[in-house]
Every structure is written in structure tokens, then in C-alpha cells.
Amino acid sequence: MGMKVCIIGDFSSSLDEGLKNIAHQLANNLSKDSDIHLLKINVKNIISKITLKIIKNFNPDIIHYVPGPTNKSILLLKLITTYLGENSKLVLSASYPMFDNLTIKLLQFKPDYVFASSQAFKERMDTLSIPSQLLPNGVDIKKFLPLSSDVDKNKLREKYGLDRNSFTVLHVGHIMDNRNLGVFNYLAKDNQAIIVASDYIKTDIKLFKHLQNNGLIIFKDYYPNIEEFYQLSDCYVFPVKPGKSILTPLSVMEAMSCNINVITTEFEGLKTFFKAGGGLTYVQNDDEILEAIKKIKESDGIPSTRIKVEPYSWGNVTSEIVQTYQKLLN
């Protein structure tokens, strides 16, 4: 008969945002398993009679909720599972957890299992007696590959109209005031500094113009071949403050998969799964970012960041998830 799995996530079209990417990748990898019957539900359509009827008719063994979760989604999941009855096991991916322990207690509602993206969050689940395991979101190691030579790097720089010889610093993400992008005003003085900006969340136009006026090169669009920007860069910088992104930021893992130097603020999830060194540097402020860039430019060392993320390929992560589904049903 096989296992019936309902994935709830953001399945809107372009993959220009972390949580959308996670939902798509998980669904795509689960669909390769011949023993799994998959139902994809777009979280944006979840509060409708038609959607609830589709889920009920499908009668899933597993409901796997990918976004957040937030207090609102915990309430929503209680309502859905109450409507569906006792049959389905509820699994959460907690890549961006924004719910309170109090919400769980007040609603007297617990998921059957949680995939925790950091050690601190795993400990929270332990205190609530919710079964969980440490597992980050995956990364597509087949798409995000290192370049084989400097010749290829130069070709990519020429393709995007960039200088071949400048030390190139990259950031991928939304141009918003809360993402701490001010450090790029300084980075642009002595480096070729690039931001590839998504339109998924509305751009802060004032910040956009300010960055551009200070010499930032901004590519504002959806780029299906986003891996080329990592590959043409010497260093990836993620200055976003913890709490303003998922616990294991996808762009950081993608940059590591392309085996380039990575400088990032100290996200709980990243520090849980990846030790500093080999081209991965954790920082606490803008001064430390500038100092880290200086050290990379002075060093002859070749980064070895890819080896750190290879265990978390989407194939490996999905395999772990399927094993957990089987344990829950047995």
C-alpha cells in the first residue's frame, strides 16, 4: 500500500526564499521514493474547506508541516488534526521556530515529532516531552558545485559584466533594513561587493539606493542559476542578526557547497552542525567581518567548506526523514 504523506509548505513558483526552497526540495526528494504517496498542500491555501476536504480524502499517515512554525500555525495544526481525527501523525520541521512553549501548554497540543535545527531548540523540545532529533534543512550539493578552475571563474565574471581581477564578496537575500546590510557600504570600498536580491519580500528602496550609491553591485531578479554567483565569488558574507532568518540559513549552506570562504554571524543552527575553520568564520559584528575579509585576502589557504555540508545533502536529509516516518508508523 505504501505510506501516504501530506507536505504543507510554501509551494509558490520561484525558489527565491529559504522556506520555499525547503518545501520544494523535501517534496521533490520524497516523490522519488516509490513507497510514498505524496500530497503537496500550499500553506497559503490551508484555511479553506476545499483544502481540508482534499487532505481528509487523502487520509494521510503523516502530515509534515514545513514553515516556521509560529504560534498561529500551532493553533492551525491543532484545528486541522482535530478535524481529521486520530489517524495522522503530525511532524514539524522547525527551521524557523517562532512559537512559545506556553502556546503548546495552553492548547494542550503536541506534534508527534519535531526535526530540530539547533541544539538549543532540541533542548526546548525535551523540556516539553516532544520527541525530536537534530536535523538541519538540506542543501542541493549536485547544483551547488565548486568550480574546477580560475578560467571558469573568469568566464562567469565576464558573463555578468564583473571585473575579473577584483576580490569578490557576495550576499544573497532580501534588501531589508533588518538584515544588517550596512557592512557592505564598507566592503564595497576595497572589494567587488555584490548582492543578489530577491523580490519575495518587498525591497527597502531607500536602503537599495543607499547601497547602490556606495558602490554595491545589485542584481535584482530571480536567477535560476544562482549557483553561478557563489561560484564566481571569493567569499560569501551573511551579516544577518540571529533571529532574522532560519536557524541554518540556506544561502550559507549553498555557499559552503560551492566550497568558497564563508563569513557569517553566529546562528544557533549553523554552530550546532558546523565547526569554524577551513574557510568558515563566525563573527559577532561588522568589525569582525572586515577583519575576517582582510585575513582571507592575506591567506594562501584553499577553503574546505563543502566537506562540512556534504553530509546534509537533500538525499541524506530526506532519507533520515523517511526513516523517522517509518518509526512513527511502526
Protein backbone atom coordinates (compact mmCIF):
# COMPACT_ATOMS: atom_id res chain seq x y z
CA MET A 1 0.00 0.00 0.00
CA GLY A 2 2.82 2.43 0.80
CA MET A 3 2.92 5.45 3.05
CA LYS A 4 0.69 8.50 2.48
CA VAL A 5 2.48 11.76 3.28
CA CYS A 6 0.96 15.22 3.17
CA ILE A 7 3.55 18.03 2.98
CA ILE A 8 2.32 21.51 3.96
CA GLY A 9 4.65 24.29 2.77
CA ASP A 10 5.04 27.30 0.52
CA PHE A 11 4.81 25.85 -2.99
CA SER A 12 4.53 29.12 -4.90
CA SER A 13 6.54 29.26 -8.11
CA SER A 14 10.06 30.78 -7.99
CA LEU A 15 12.52 29.40 -5.43
CA ASP A 16 13.79 32.79 -4.23
CA GLU A 17 13.33 32.27 -0.48
CA GLY A 18 14.65 29.75 2.04
CA LEU A 19 11.42 28.20 3.34
CA LYS A 20 10.04 27.86 -0.21
CA ASN A 21 13.23 26.06 -1.22
CA ILE A 22 12.99 23.68 1.73
CA ALA A 23 9.38 22.72 0.93
CA HIS A 24 10.12 22.15 -2.77
CA GLN A 25 13.30 20.15 -2.16
CA LEU A 26 11.72 17.95 0.51
CA ALA A 27 8.67 17.23 -1.67
CA ASN A 28 10.82 16.52 -4.75
CA ASN A 29 13.07 14.12 -2.86
CA LEU A 30 10.16 12.33 -1.16
CA SER A 31 8.46 11.89 -4.55
CA LYS A 32 11.47 9.79 -5.69
CA ASP A 33 10.56 7.14 -3.08
CA SER A 34 8.25 4.60 -4.75
CA ASP A 35 6.77 3.62 -1.35
CA ILE A 36 5.50 7.16 -0.68
CA HIS A 37 2.25 8.64 -1.97
CA LEU A 38 2.67 12.40 -1.73
CA LEU A 39 0.16 15.22 -1.37
CA LYS A 40 1.53 18.77 -1.56
CA ILE A 41 -0.55 21.49 0.11
CA ASN A 42 0.32 25.16 -0.28
CA VAL A 43 0.26 26.73 3.18
CA LYS A 44 -1.26 29.88 1.66
CA ASN A 45 -4.44 27.94 0.77
CA ILE A 46 -4.68 25.97 4.00
CA ILE A 47 -7.62 27.81 5.57
CA SER A 48 -10.28 26.67 3.12
CA LYS A 49 -12.95 23.97 3.17
CA ILE A 50 -11.75 22.63 -0.19
CA THR A 51 -8.17 22.15 1.04
CA LEU A 52 -9.29 20.48 4.28
CA LYS A 53 -11.54 18.15 2.28
CA ILE A 54 -8.63 17.23 -0.03
CA ILE A 55 -6.47 16.36 2.99
CA LYS A 56 -9.28 14.37 4.64
CA ASN A 57 -9.99 12.40 1.44
CA PHE A 58 -6.27 11.66 1.06
CA ASN A 59 -6.27 10.34 4.66
CA PRO A 60 -2.51 10.83 5.25
CA ASP A 61 -0.42 8.63 7.52
CA ILE A 62 1.95 11.60 8.04
CA ILE A 63 1.28 15.33 7.94
CA HIS A 64 4.62 17.16 7.69
CA TYR A 65 4.41 20.91 8.29
CA VAL A 66 7.45 22.74 6.90
CA PRO A 67 7.20 26.55 7.52
CA GLY A 68 8.03 28.18 10.87
CA PRO A 69 6.30 27.02 12.97
CA THR A 70 4.65 30.04 14.61
CA ASN A 71 2.02 30.33 17.36
CA LYS A 72 -0.59 30.81 14.63
CA SER A 73 0.48 27.65 12.79
CA ILE A 74 0.42 25.59 16.02
CA LEU A 75 -3.22 26.68 16.52
CA LEU A 76 -3.97 25.94 12.86
CA LEU A 77 -2.44 22.47 13.11
CA LYS A 78 -4.50 21.69 16.21
CA LEU A 79 -7.68 22.61 14.29
CA ILE A 80 -6.65 20.56 11.23
CA THR A 81 -5.72 17.44 13.21
CA THR A 82 -8.91 17.73 15.31
CA TYR A 83 -10.93 17.85 12.06
CA LEU A 84 -9.05 14.88 10.56
CA GLY A 85 -9.28 12.70 13.67
CA GLU A 86 -6.64 10.49 15.26
CA ASN A 87 -5.23 8.76 12.17
CA SER A 88 -2.40 11.05 11.04
CA LYS A 89 0.96 11.56 12.72
CA LEU A 90 2.00 15.23 12.82
CA VAL A 91 5.64 16.07 12.10
CA LEU A 92 7.18 19.56 12.20
CA SER A 93 10.35 20.87 10.57
CA ALA A 94 11.46 23.63 12.94
CA SER A 95 13.79 25.57 10.67
CA TYR A 96 12.42 28.94 11.84
CA PRO A 97 10.61 28.26 15.15
CA MET A 98 8.62 31.25 16.40
CA PHE A 99 6.20 29.65 18.82
CA ASP A 100 6.12 29.82 22.63
CA ASN A 101 6.17 26.87 24.99
CA LEU A 102 3.12 28.49 26.60
CA THR A 103 1.13 28.09 23.36
CA ILE A 104 1.76 24.33 23.40
CA LYS A 105 0.69 24.15 27.06
CA LEU A 106 -2.44 26.32 26.68
CA LEU A 107 -3.64 24.43 23.60
CA GLN A 108 -2.78 21.07 25.22
CA PHE A 109 -1.45 20.06 21.84
CA LYS A 110 1.82 18.46 20.83
CA PRO A 111 3.18 17.31 17.47
CA ASP A 112 4.21 13.67 17.27
CA TYR A 113 7.74 14.54 16.20
CA VAL A 114 9.97 17.56 15.52
CA PHE A 115 13.10 17.96 13.41
CA ALA A 116 15.16 20.50 15.38
CA SER A 117 17.55 22.82 13.55
CA SER A 118 19.63 23.67 16.62
CA GLN A 119 20.80 22.14 19.91
CA ALA A 120 19.01 24.84 21.95
CA PHE A 121 15.71 24.13 20.20
CA LYS A 122 16.18 20.37 20.67
CA GLU A 123 16.57 21.03 24.41
CA ARG A 124 13.33 23.06 24.36
CA MET A 125 11.52 20.07 22.83
CA ASP A 126 13.00 17.79 25.52
CA THR A 127 11.57 20.03 28.28
CA LEU A 128 8.13 19.80 26.60
CA SER A 129 8.48 15.99 26.27
CA ILE A 130 8.10 16.22 22.49
CA PRO A 131 10.10 13.55 20.60
CA SER A 132 12.70 15.21 18.36
CA GLN A 133 16.04 14.85 16.63
CA LEU A 134 18.71 17.24 15.38
CA LEU A 135 18.43 17.67 11.61
CA PRO A 136 19.04 20.81 9.56
CA ASN A 137 17.42 21.60 6.24
CA GLY A 138 19.34 20.02 3.37
CA VAL A 139 21.36 21.56 0.56
CA ASP A 140 21.44 20.64 -3.13
CA ILE A 141 25.07 19.50 -3.46
CA LYS A 142 24.52 18.49 -7.11
CA LYS A 143 23.52 22.01 -8.14
CA PHE A 144 25.86 23.96 -5.84
CA LEU A 145 29.23 22.69 -7.01
CA PRO A 146 32.74 24.13 -6.78
CA LEU A 147 34.31 25.45 -9.98
CA SER A 148 37.20 23.41 -11.35
CA SER A 149 39.43 26.35 -12.39
CA ASP A 150 40.03 30.10 -12.30
CA VAL A 151 39.34 30.13 -16.05
CA ASP A 152 35.73 29.14 -15.36
CA LYS A 153 35.50 31.79 -12.61
CA ASN A 154 36.68 34.48 -15.04
CA LYS A 155 34.15 33.34 -17.66
CA LEU A 156 31.33 33.68 -15.14
CA ARG A 157 32.51 37.14 -14.07
CA GLU A 158 32.53 38.22 -17.72
CA LYS A 159 29.03 36.76 -18.23
CA TYR A 160 27.66 39.06 -15.50
CA GLY A 161 29.74 42.09 -16.51
CA LEU A 162 32.01 41.90 -13.45
CA ASP A 163 35.71 42.68 -13.04
CA ARG A 164 37.82 39.56 -13.43
CA ASN A 165 40.59 40.52 -11.02
CA SER A 166 38.82 42.07 -8.02
CA PHE A 167 38.34 40.20 -4.73
CA THR A 168 34.61 39.48 -4.91
CA VAL A 169 32.30 39.41 -1.88
CA LEU A 170 28.72 38.14 -2.21
CA HIS A 171 25.45 38.22 -0.29
CA VAL A 172 22.18 36.62 -1.42
CA GLY A 173 18.87 37.71 0.12
CA HIS A 174 16.27 40.39 0.66
CA ILE A 175 17.23 44.06 0.82
CA MET A 176 15.57 44.96 4.09
CA ASP A 177 16.55 47.19 6.98
CA ASN A 178 16.53 44.30 9.50
CA ARG A 179 19.16 42.25 7.62
CA ASN A 180 22.15 44.32 8.80
CA LEU A 181 23.47 45.02 5.30
CA GLY A 182 25.25 48.27 6.26
CA VAL A 183 28.63 46.48 6.40
CA PHE A 184 28.51 46.23 2.59
CA ASN A 185 28.96 50.01 2.39
CA TYR A 186 32.46 49.42 3.81
CA LEU A 187 33.14 46.19 1.90
CA ALA A 188 32.43 47.94 -1.41
CA LYS A 189 35.35 50.36 -0.86
CA ASP A 190 38.12 47.78 -1.34
CA ASN A 191 36.29 44.83 -2.92
CA GLN A 192 33.85 43.96 -5.67
CA ALA A 193 30.75 43.65 -3.47
CA ILE A 194 27.63 42.02 -4.89
CA ILE A 195 24.12 41.45 -3.58
CA VAL A 196 21.67 39.21 -5.41
CA ALA A 197 18.32 40.47 -4.13
CA SER A 198 15.06 38.54 -4.10
CA ASP A 199 11.67 40.16 -4.77
CA TYR A 200 9.84 37.70 -2.49
CA ILE A 201 9.70 40.31 0.28
CA LYS A 202 9.27 43.97 -0.63
CA THR A 203 12.60 45.76 -1.18
CA ASP A 204 13.51 48.69 1.05
CA ILE A 205 14.01 51.24 -1.76
CA LYS A 206 15.85 53.76 0.43
CA LEU A 207 18.37 51.11 1.54
CA PHE A 208 18.65 49.78 -2.03
CA LYS A 209 19.63 53.23 -3.38
CA HIS A 210 21.98 53.88 -0.45
CA LEU A 211 23.86 50.62 -1.07
CA GLN A 212 24.00 51.26 -4.82
CA ASN A 213 25.31 54.81 -4.30
CA ASN A 214 28.11 53.37 -2.14
CA GLY A 215 29.34 51.09 -4.93
CA LEU A 216 27.37 47.90 -4.35
CA ILE A 217 26.61 45.88 -7.48
CA ILE A 218 23.00 44.71 -7.07
CA PHE A 219 21.35 42.04 -9.20
CA LYS A 220 17.61 42.31 -8.53
CA ASP A 221 15.72 39.42 -10.05
CA TYR A 222 15.11 35.69 -9.76
CA TYR A 223 18.14 33.77 -11.06
CA PRO A 224 17.53 30.04 -11.63
CA ASN A 225 21.33 29.60 -11.93
CA ILE A 226 22.02 31.30 -8.59
CA GLU A 227 24.91 28.87 -8.02
CA GLU A 228 26.93 30.85 -10.60
CA PHE A 229 27.06 33.87 -8.28
CA TYR A 230 28.54 31.75 -5.47
CA GLN A 231 30.99 30.16 -7.91
CA LEU A 232 32.30 33.49 -9.23
CA SER A 233 32.82 34.86 -5.70
CA ASP A 234 35.82 34.64 -3.38
CA CYS A 235 33.80 34.98 -0.19
CA TYR A 236 30.19 34.82 0.97
CA VAL A 237 29.11 37.18 3.76
CA PHE A 238 25.95 36.64 5.82
CA PRO A 239 25.72 39.57 8.27
CA VAL A 240 22.07 38.97 9.25
CA LYS A 241 21.46 39.04 13.01
CA PRO A 242 20.34 35.75 14.62
CA GLY A 243 16.54 35.60 14.83
CA LYS A 244 16.08 37.26 11.43
CA SER A 245 16.49 34.11 9.33
CA ILE A 246 16.06 30.35 9.55
CA LEU A 247 18.39 28.63 12.05
CA THR A 248 20.60 27.11 9.32
CA PRO A 249 20.39 29.78 6.59
CA LEU A 250 20.12 28.13 3.19
CA SER A 251 22.35 30.62 1.36
CA VAL A 252 25.19 29.93 3.82
CA MET A 253 24.91 26.19 3.14
CA GLU A 254 24.74 26.81 -0.63
CA ALA A 255 27.91 28.95 -0.49
CA MET A 256 29.68 26.23 1.52
CA SER A 257 28.53 23.62 -1.00
CA CYS A 258 30.32 25.69 -3.70
CA ASN A 259 33.45 25.47 -1.49
CA ILE A 260 34.06 29.19 -1.05
CA ASN A 261 35.03 31.13 2.08
CA VAL A 262 32.03 31.94 4.27
CA ILE A 263 31.75 34.63 6.95
CA THR A 264 28.53 34.51 8.96
CA THR A 265 27.00 35.72 12.19
CA GLU A 266 26.57 33.10 14.90
CA PHE A 267 23.29 31.37 14.10
CA GLU A 268 22.31 28.66 16.59
CA GLY A 269 21.72 26.10 13.88
CA LEU A 270 24.95 26.76 12.00
CA LYS A 271 27.01 26.45 15.18
CA THR A 272 25.20 23.21 16.10
CA PHE A 273 26.16 21.48 12.84
CA PHE A 274 29.29 23.25 11.55
CA LYS A 275 32.56 23.97 13.40
CA ALA A 276 34.52 27.09 12.46
CA GLY A 277 37.66 26.65 10.38
CA GLY A 278 38.55 25.51 6.87
CA GLY A 279 37.13 28.72 5.39
CA LEU A 280 34.11 29.06 7.70
CA THR A 281 34.32 32.05 10.06
CA TYR A 282 31.79 33.08 12.72
CA VAL A 283 31.57 36.77 13.62
CA GLN A 284 29.62 38.90 16.08
CA ASN A 285 29.82 42.35 14.50
CA ASP A 286 30.78 44.38 11.42
CA ASP A 287 34.36 44.98 12.59
CA GLU A 288 34.92 41.23 12.82
CA ILE A 289 33.55 40.82 9.26
CA LEU A 290 36.06 43.37 7.92
CA GLU A 291 38.88 41.72 9.88
CA ALA A 292 37.90 38.26 8.55
CA ILE A 293 37.91 39.55 4.93
CA LYS A 294 41.40 41.00 5.50
CA LYS A 295 42.68 37.63 6.80
CA ILE A 296 41.22 35.74 3.80
CA LYS A 297 42.88 38.16 1.37
CA GLU A 298 46.24 37.74 3.13
CA SER A 299 45.98 33.93 3.25
CA ASP A 300 47.03 31.41 0.57
CA GLY A 301 44.77 28.74 2.08
CA ILE A 302 42.15 26.95 -0.04
CA PRO A 303 38.74 26.74 1.67
CA SER A 304 37.27 23.34 2.54
CA THR A 305 33.72 24.37 3.38
CA ARG A 306 32.00 21.87 1.06
CA ILE A 307 33.10 18.84 3.06
CA LYS A 308 31.21 20.28 6.07
CA VAL A 309 27.82 20.35 4.29
CA GLU A 310 28.09 17.16 2.22
CA PRO A 311 26.53 15.00 4.99
CA TYR A 312 23.45 17.24 4.75
CA SER A 313 22.68 16.74 1.07
CA TRP A 314 18.94 16.65 0.40
CA GLY A 315 19.26 12.93 -0.37
CA ASN A 316 20.74 12.22 3.09
CA VAL A 317 18.33 14.53 4.94
CA THR A 318 15.29 13.04 3.17
CA SER A 319 16.49 9.53 3.96
CA GLU A 320 16.65 10.45 7.69
CA ILE A 321 13.14 11.92 7.49
CA VAL A 322 11.69 8.80 5.81
CA GLN A 323 13.26 6.57 8.48
CA THR A 324 11.57 8.71 11.15
CA TYR A 325 8.19 8.44 9.37
CA GLN A 326 8.57 4.63 9.38
CA LYS A 327 9.43 4.56 13.10
CA LEU A 328 6.39 6.72 13.92
CA LEU A 329 4.04 4.44 11.99
CA ASN A 330 5.51 1.26 13.46
